[in-house]
PDB file of all heavy atoms in Angstrom:
ATOM      1  N   LEU A   1      30.074 -42.505  87.867  1.00  0.00           N
ATOM      2  CA  LEU A   1      30.204 -43.546  88.891  1.00  0.00           C
ATOM      3  C   LEU A   1      30.211 -42.968  90.295  1.00  0.00           C
ATOM      4  O   LEU A   1      30.813 -43.522  91.207  1.00  0.00           O
ATOM      5  CB  LEU A   1      31.483 -44.373  88.689  1.00  0.00           C
ATOM      6  CG  LEU A   1      31.556 -45.243  87.460  1.00  0.00           C
ATOM      7  CD1 LEU A   1      32.921 -45.922  87.382  1.00  0.00           C
ATOM      8  CD2 LEU A   1      30.467 -46.295  87.452  1.00  0.00           C
ATOM      9  N   ASN A   2      29.579 -41.827  90.462  1.00  0.00           N
ATOM     10  CA  ASN A   2      29.593 -41.224  91.789  1.00  0.00           C
ATOM     11  C   ASN A   2      28.202 -41.162  92.391  1.00  0.00           C
ATOM     12  O   ASN A   2      27.919 -40.354  93.238  1.00  0.00           O
ATOM     13  CB  ASN A   2      30.234 -39.839  91.748  1.00  0.00           C
ATOM     14  CG  ASN A   2      29.465 -38.876  90.864  1.00  0.00           C
ATOM     15  OD1 ASN A   2      28.456 -39.227  90.258  1.00  0.00           O
ATOM     16  ND2 ASN A   2      29.935 -37.662  90.774  1.00  0.00           N
ATOM     17  N   LYS A   3      27.341 -42.040  91.912  1.00  0.00           N
ATOM     18  CA  LYS A   3      26.011 -42.155  92.471  1.00  0.00           C
ATOM     19  C   LYS A   3      26.089 -43.088  93.666  1.00  0.00           C
ATOM     20  O   LYS A   3      26.939 -43.965  93.707  1.00  0.00           O
ATOM     21  CB  LYS A   3      25.049 -42.686  91.409  1.00  0.00           C
ATOM     22  CG  LYS A   3      25.085 -41.904  90.093  1.00  0.00           C
ATOM     23  CD  LYS A   3      24.348 -42.629  88.988  1.00  0.00           C
ATOM     24  CE  LYS A   3      25.047 -43.853  88.541  1.00  0.00           C
ATOM     25  NZ  LYS A   3      25.878 -43.839  87.396  1.00  0.00           N
ATOM     26  N   GLY A   4      25.245 -42.947  94.603  1.00  0.00           N
ATOM     27  CA  GLY A   4      25.159 -43.717  95.832  1.00  0.00           C
ATOM     28  C   GLY A   4      25.937 -45.008  95.925  1.00  0.00           C
ATOM     29  O   GLY A   4      27.045 -45.056  96.439  1.00  0.00           O
ATOM     30  N   LEU A   5      25.366 -46.119  95.426  1.00  0.00           N
ATOM     31  CA  LEU A   5      25.975 -47.435  95.605  1.00  0.00           C
ATOM     32  C   LEU A   5      27.288 -47.580  94.852  1.00  0.00           C
ATOM     33  O   LEU A   5      28.237 -48.190  95.350  1.00  0.00           O
ATOM     34  CB  LEU A   5      24.999 -48.528  95.156  1.00  0.00           C
ATOM     35  CG  LEU A   5      23.727 -48.671  95.996  1.00  0.00           C
ATOM     36  CD1 LEU A   5      22.797 -49.705  95.372  1.00  0.00           C
ATOM     37  CD2 LEU A   5      24.067 -49.053  97.420  1.00  0.00           C
ATOM     38  N   GLU A   6      27.365 -47.037  93.630  1.00  0.00           N
ATOM     39  CA  GLU A   6      28.606 -47.122  92.860  1.00  0.00           C
ATOM     40  C   GLU A   6      29.724 -46.364  93.580  1.00  0.00           C
ATOM     41  O   GLU A   6      30.854 -46.830  93.653  1.00  0.00           O
ATOM     42  CB  GLU A   6      28.433 -46.557  91.446  1.00  0.00           C
ATOM     43  CG  GLU A   6      27.600 -47.414  90.532  1.00  0.00           C
ATOM     44  CD  GLU A   6      26.119 -47.059  90.597  1.00  0.00           C
ATOM     45  OE1 GLU A   6      25.705 -46.302  91.495  1.00  0.00           O
ATOM     46  OE2 GLU A   6      25.362 -47.573  89.754  1.00  0.00           O
ATOM     47  N   ARG A   7      29.384 -45.218  94.105  1.00  0.00           N
ATOM     48  CA  ARG A   7      30.372 -44.410  94.811  1.00  0.00           C
ATOM     49  C   ARG A   7      30.900 -45.158  96.034  1.00  0.00           C
ATOM     50  O   ARG A   7      32.097 -45.214  96.282  1.00  0.00           O
ATOM     51  CB  ARG A   7      29.745 -43.082  95.213  1.00  0.00           C
ATOM     52  CG  ARG A   7      30.692 -42.131  95.869  1.00  0.00           C
ATOM     53  CD  ARG A   7      29.979 -40.836  96.193  1.00  0.00           C
ATOM     54  NE  ARG A   7      30.943 -39.900  96.715  1.00  0.00           N
ATOM     55  CZ  ARG A   7      30.878 -38.608  96.560  1.00  0.00           C
ATOM     56  NH1 ARG A   7      29.889 -38.078  95.899  1.00  0.00           N
ATOM     57  NH2 ARG A   7      31.789 -37.824  97.071  1.00  0.00           N
ATOM     58  N   GLU A   8      30.004 -45.743  96.793  1.00  0.00           N
ATOM     59  CA  GLU A   8      30.410 -46.495  97.979  1.00  0.00           C
ATOM     60  C   GLU A   8      31.231 -47.725  97.584  1.00  0.00           C
ATOM     61  O   GLU A   8      32.229 -48.048  98.235  1.00  0.00           O
ATOM     62  CB  GLU A   8      29.183 -46.913  98.788  1.00  0.00           C
ATOM     63  CG  GLU A   8      29.517 -47.590 100.090  1.00  0.00           C
ATOM     64  CD  GLU A   8      30.331 -46.721 101.046  1.00  0.00           C
ATOM     65  OE1 GLU A   8      30.213 -45.483 101.006  1.00  0.00           O
ATOM     66  OE2 GLU A   8      31.119 -47.301 101.818  1.00  0.00           O
ATOM     67  N   ALA A   9      30.834 -48.406  96.509  1.00  0.00           N
ATOM     68  CA  ALA A   9      31.586 -49.575  96.045  1.00  0.00           C
ATOM     69  C   ALA A   9      33.003 -49.179  95.640  1.00  0.00           C
ATOM     70  O   ALA A   9      33.970 -49.872  95.985  1.00  0.00           O
ATOM     71  CB  ALA A   9      30.858 -50.238  94.879  1.00  0.00           C
ATOM     72  N   LEU A  10      33.149 -48.071  94.929  1.00  0.00           N
ATOM     73  CA  LEU A  10      34.482 -47.602  94.532  1.00  0.00           C
ATOM     74  C   LEU A  10      35.312 -47.232  95.749  1.00  0.00           C
ATOM     75  O   LEU A  10      36.507 -47.524  95.815  1.00  0.00           O
ATOM     76  CB  LEU A  10      34.380 -46.389  93.602  1.00  0.00           C
ATOM     77  CG  LEU A  10      34.115 -46.673  92.141  1.00  0.00           C
ATOM     78  CD1 LEU A  10      33.954 -45.376  91.373  1.00  0.00           C
ATOM     79  CD2 LEU A  10      35.224 -47.509  91.526  1.00  0.00           C
ATOM     80  N   ARG A  11      34.689 -46.596  96.693  1.00  0.00           N
ATOM     81  CA  ARG A  11      35.393 -46.188  97.906  1.00  0.00           C
ATOM     82  C   ARG A  11      35.970 -47.410  98.625  1.00  0.00           C
ATOM     83  O   ARG A  11      37.086 -47.373  99.139  1.00  0.00           O
ATOM     84  CB  ARG A  11      34.441 -45.421  98.826  1.00  0.00           C
ATOM     85  CG  ARG A  11      35.143 -44.668  99.930  1.00  0.00           C
ATOM     86  CD  ARG A  11      34.186 -43.852 100.791  1.00  0.00           C
ATOM     87  NE  ARG A  11      33.565 -42.796 100.024  1.00  0.00           N
ATOM     88  CZ  ARG A  11      32.242 -42.570  99.995  1.00  0.00           C
ATOM     89  NH1 ARG A  11      31.410 -43.307 100.687  1.00  0.00           N
ATOM     90  NH2 ARG A  11      31.755 -41.583  99.281  1.00  0.00           N
ATOM     91  N   CYS A  12      35.220 -48.482  98.658  1.00  0.00           N
ATOM     92  CA  CYS A  12      35.644 -49.699  99.369  1.00  0.00           C
ATOM     93  C   CYS A  12      36.550 -50.597  98.529  1.00  0.00           C
ATOM     94  O   CYS A  12      37.255 -51.444  99.076  1.00  0.00           O
ATOM     95  CB  CYS A  12      34.412 -50.496  99.793  1.00  0.00           C
ATOM     96  SG  CYS A  12      33.385 -49.648 100.992  1.00  0.00           S
ATOM     97  N   ALA A  13      36.531 -50.429  97.215  1.00  0.00           N
ATOM     98  CA  ALA A  13      37.207 -51.365  96.313  1.00  0.00           C
ATOM     99  C   ALA A  13      38.718 -51.231  96.283  1.00  0.00           C
ATOM    100  O   ALA A  13      39.421 -52.184  95.951  1.00  0.00           O
ATOM    101  CB  ALA A  13      36.659 -51.208  94.895  1.00  0.00           C
ATOM    102  N   GLY A  14      39.239 -50.054  96.569  1.00  0.00           N
ATOM    103  CA  GLY A  14      40.678 -49.863  96.499  1.00  0.00           C
ATOM    104  C   GLY A  14      41.210 -49.794  95.085  1.00  0.00           C
ATOM    105  O   GLY A  14      42.386 -50.045  94.849  1.00  0.00           O
ATOM    106  N   LEU A  15      40.345 -49.460  94.133  1.00  0.00           N
ATOM    107  CA  LEU A  15      40.773 -49.323  92.736  1.00  0.00           C
ATOM    108  C   LEU A  15      41.309 -47.916  92.486  1.00  0.00           C
ATOM    109  O   LEU A  15      40.935 -46.967  93.162  1.00  0.00           O
ATOM    110  CB  LEU A  15      39.593 -49.569  91.794  1.00  0.00           C
ATOM    111  CG  LEU A  15      38.940 -50.939  91.838  1.00  0.00           C
ATOM    112  CD1 LEU A  15      37.671 -50.949  91.006  1.00  0.00           C
ATOM    113  CD2 LEU A  15      39.910 -52.007  91.363  1.00  0.00           C
ATOM    114  N   ILE A  16      42.149 -47.809  91.492  1.00  0.00           N
ATOM    115  CA  ILE A  16      42.566 -46.499  90.997  1.00  0.00           C
ATOM    116  C   ILE A  16      41.627 -46.173  89.846  1.00  0.00           C
ATOM    117  O   ILE A  16      41.434 -46.996  88.949  1.00  0.00           O
ATOM    118  CB  ILE A  16      44.029 -46.531  90.513  1.00  0.00           C
ATOM    119  CG1 ILE A  16      44.956 -46.939  91.665  1.00  0.00           C
ATOM    120  CG2 ILE A  16      44.433 -45.192  89.920  1.00  0.00           C
ATOM    121  CD1 ILE A  16      46.348 -47.322  91.237  1.00  0.00           C
ATOM    122  N   VAL A  17      41.042 -44.988  89.875  1.00  0.00           N
ATOM    123  CA  VAL A  17      40.051 -44.627  88.865  1.00  0.00           C
ATOM    124  C   VAL A  17      40.459 -43.312  88.209  1.00  0.00           C
ATOM    125  O   VAL A  17      40.780 -42.334  88.897  1.00  0.00           O
ATOM    126  CB  VAL A  17      38.641 -44.483  89.479  1.00  0.00           C
ATOM    127  CG1 VAL A  17      37.617 -44.210  88.388  1.00  0.00           C
ATOM    128  CG2 VAL A  17      38.265 -45.725  90.273  1.00  0.00           C
ATOM    129  N   PHE A  18      40.430 -43.306  86.886  1.00  0.00           N
ATOM    130  CA  PHE A  18      40.672 -42.096  86.103  1.00  0.00           C
ATOM    131  C   PHE A  18      39.355 -41.733  85.425  1.00  0.00           C
ATOM    132  O   PHE A  18      38.867 -42.461  84.560  1.00  0.00           O
ATOM    133  CB  PHE A  18      41.765 -42.324  85.054  1.00  0.00           C
ATOM    134  CG  PHE A  18      43.118 -42.552  85.662  1.00  0.00           C
ATOM    135  CD1 PHE A  18      43.558 -43.833  85.963  1.00  0.00           C
ATOM    136  CD2 PHE A  18      43.950 -41.479  85.945  1.00  0.00           C
ATOM    137  CE1 PHE A  18      44.798 -44.053  86.533  1.00  0.00           C
ATOM    138  CE2 PHE A  18      45.199 -41.686  86.522  1.00  0.00           C
ATOM    139  CZ  PHE A  18      45.629 -42.974  86.818  1.00  0.00           C
ATOM    140  N   PHE A  19      38.761 -40.615  85.858  1.00  0.00           N
ATOM    141  CA  PHE A  19      37.511 -40.134  85.302  1.00  0.00           C
ATOM    142  C   PHE A  19      37.803 -39.135  84.194  1.00  0.00           C
ATOM    143  O   PHE A  19      38.444 -38.104  84.453  1.00  0.00           O
ATOM    144  CB  PHE A  19      36.675 -39.410  86.370  1.00  0.00           C
ATOM    145  CG  PHE A  19      36.162 -40.293  87.457  1.00  0.00           C
ATOM    146  CD1 PHE A  19      36.791 -40.337  88.693  1.00  0.00           C
ATOM    147  CD2 PHE A  19      35.027 -41.072  87.256  1.00  0.00           C
ATOM    148  CE1 PHE A  19      36.304 -41.138  89.712  1.00  0.00           C
ATOM    149  CE2 PHE A  19      34.536 -41.879  88.271  1.00  0.00           C
ATOM    150  CZ  PHE A  19      35.176 -41.912  89.498  1.00  0.00           C
ATOM    151  N   LEU A  20      37.369 -39.416  82.974  1.00  0.00           N
ATOM    152  CA  LEU A  20      37.464 -38.422  81.909  1.00  0.00           C
ATOM    153  C   LEU A  20      36.402 -37.373  82.203  1.00  0.00           C
ATOM    154  O   LEU A  20      35.231 -37.713  82.385  1.00  0.00           O
ATOM    155  CB  LEU A  20      37.222 -39.065  80.541  1.00  0.00           C
ATOM    156  CG  LEU A  20      38.107 -40.266  80.186  1.00  0.00           C
ATOM    157  CD1 LEU A  20      37.801 -40.743  78.779  1.00  0.00           C
ATOM    158  CD2 LEU A  20      39.582 -39.942  80.345  1.00  0.00           C
ATOM    159  N   ASP A  21      36.781 -36.110  82.284  1.00  0.00           N
ATOM    160  CA  ASP A  21      35.802 -35.096  82.677  1.00  0.00           C
ATOM    161  C   ASP A  21      34.758 -34.870  81.582  1.00  0.00           C
ATOM    162  O   ASP A  21      34.882 -35.376  80.464  1.00  0.00           O
ATOM    163  CB  ASP A  21      36.482 -33.802  83.132  1.00  0.00           C
ATOM    164  CG  ASP A  21      36.982 -32.906  82.017  1.00  0.00           C
ATOM    165  OD1 ASP A  21      36.781 -33.223  80.827  1.00  0.00           O
ATOM    166  OD2 ASP A  21      37.586 -31.864  82.333  1.00  0.00           O
ATOM    167  N   LYS A  22      33.724 -34.122  81.919  1.00  0.00           N
ATOM    168  CA  LYS A  22      32.571 -33.963  81.020  1.00  0.00           C
ATOM    169  C   LYS A  22      32.930 -33.326  79.687  1.00  0.00           C
ATOM    170  O   LYS A  22      32.244 -33.548  78.696  1.00  0.00           O
ATOM    171  CB  LYS A  22      31.462 -33.178  81.706  1.00  0.00           C
ATOM    172  CG  LYS A  22      31.816 -31.758  82.042  1.00  0.00           C
ATOM    173  CD  LYS A  22      30.681 -31.062  82.749  1.00  0.00           C
ATOM    174  CE  LYS A  22      31.109 -29.653  83.125  1.00  0.00           C
ATOM    175  NZ  LYS A  22      30.044 -28.951  83.820  1.00  0.00           N
ATOM    176  N   SER A  23      34.009 -32.583  79.612  1.00  0.00           N
ATOM    177  CA  SER A  23      34.375 -31.939  78.342  1.00  0.00           C
ATOM    178  C   SER A  23      34.762 -32.958  77.264  1.00  0.00           C
ATOM    179  O   SER A  23      34.721 -32.643  76.071  1.00  0.00           O
ATOM    180  CB  SER A  23      35.490 -30.914  78.546  1.00  0.00           C
ATOM    181  OG  SER A  23      36.658 -31.537  79.009  1.00  0.00           O
ATOM    182  N   TRP A  24      35.111 -34.183  77.649  1.00  0.00           N
ATOM    183  CA  TRP A  24      35.407 -35.218  76.663  1.00  0.00           C
ATOM    184  C   TRP A  24      34.185 -35.530  75.810  1.00  0.00           C
ATOM    185  O   TRP A  24      34.314 -35.981  74.681  1.00  0.00           O
ATOM    186  CB  TRP A  24      35.913 -36.487  77.345  1.00  0.00           C
ATOM    187  CG  TRP A  24      37.317 -36.385  77.868  1.00  0.00           C
ATOM    188  CD1 TRP A  24      37.742 -35.641  78.933  1.00  0.00           C
ATOM    189  CD2 TRP A  24      38.476 -37.036  77.358  1.00  0.00           C
ATOM    190  NE1 TRP A  24      39.098 -35.798  79.112  1.00  0.00           N
ATOM    191  CE2 TRP A  24      39.565 -36.659  78.164  1.00  0.00           C
ATOM    192  CE3 TRP A  24      38.686 -37.925  76.308  1.00  0.00           C
ATOM    193  CZ2 TRP A  24      40.864 -37.124  77.939  1.00  0.00           C
ATOM    194  CZ3 TRP A  24      39.976 -38.396  76.088  1.00  0.00           C
ATOM    195  CH2 TRP A  24      41.043 -37.989  76.888  1.00  0.00           C
ATOM    196  N   SER A  25      32.996 -35.280  76.329  1.00  0.00           N
ATOM    197  CA  SER A  25      31.745 -35.547  75.594  1.00  0.00           C
ATOM    198  C   SER A  25      31.595 -34.666  74.365  1.00  0.00           C
ATOM    199  O   SER A  25      30.854 -35.003  73.442  1.00  0.00           O
ATOM    200  CB  SER A  25      30.532 -35.308  76.495  1.00  0.00           C
ATOM    201  OG  SER A  25      30.558 -36.184  77.572  1.00  0.00           O
ATOM    202  N   ASN A  26      32.282 -33.549  74.349  1.00  0.00           N
ATOM    203  CA  ASN A  26      32.152 -32.583  73.255  1.00  0.00           C
ATOM    204  C   ASN A  26      33.027 -32.904  72.049  1.00  0.00           C
ATOM    205  O   ASN A  26      33.128 -32.092  71.138  1.00  0.00           O
ATOM    206  CB  ASN A  26      32.502 -31.172  73.755  1.00  0.00           C
ATOM    207  CG  ASN A  26      31.629 -30.744  74.904  1.00  0.00           C
ATOM    208  OD1 ASN A  26      30.468 -31.113  74.994  1.00  0.00           O
ATOM    209  ND2 ASN A  26      32.200 -29.960  75.807  1.00  0.00           N
ATOM    210  N   HIS A  27      33.651 -34.064  72.047  1.00  0.00           N
ATOM    211  CA  HIS A  27      34.612 -34.387  70.993  1.00  0.00           C
ATOM    212  C   HIS A  27      34.267 -35.713  70.331  1.00  0.00           C
ATOM    213  O   HIS A  27      33.670 -36.596  70.941  1.00  0.00           O
ATOM    214  CB  HIS A  27      36.023 -34.422  71.576  1.00  0.00           C
ATOM    215  CG  HIS A  27      36.423 -33.112  72.187  1.00  0.00           C
ATOM    216  ND1 HIS A  27      36.879 -32.063  71.442  1.00  0.00           N
ATOM    217  CD2 HIS A  27      36.363 -32.678  73.463  1.00  0.00           C
ATOM    218  CE1 HIS A  27      37.116 -31.035  72.241  1.00  0.00           C
ATOM    219  NE2 HIS A  27      36.806 -31.390  73.477  1.00  0.00           N
TER     220      HIS A  27
END
């Protein structure tokens, strides 16, 4: 969610976001 428009939307939204890092994909 850190691509252009999504990133800007999150920045403006005031949401709390927990990103599971890429290592979660290995499980």
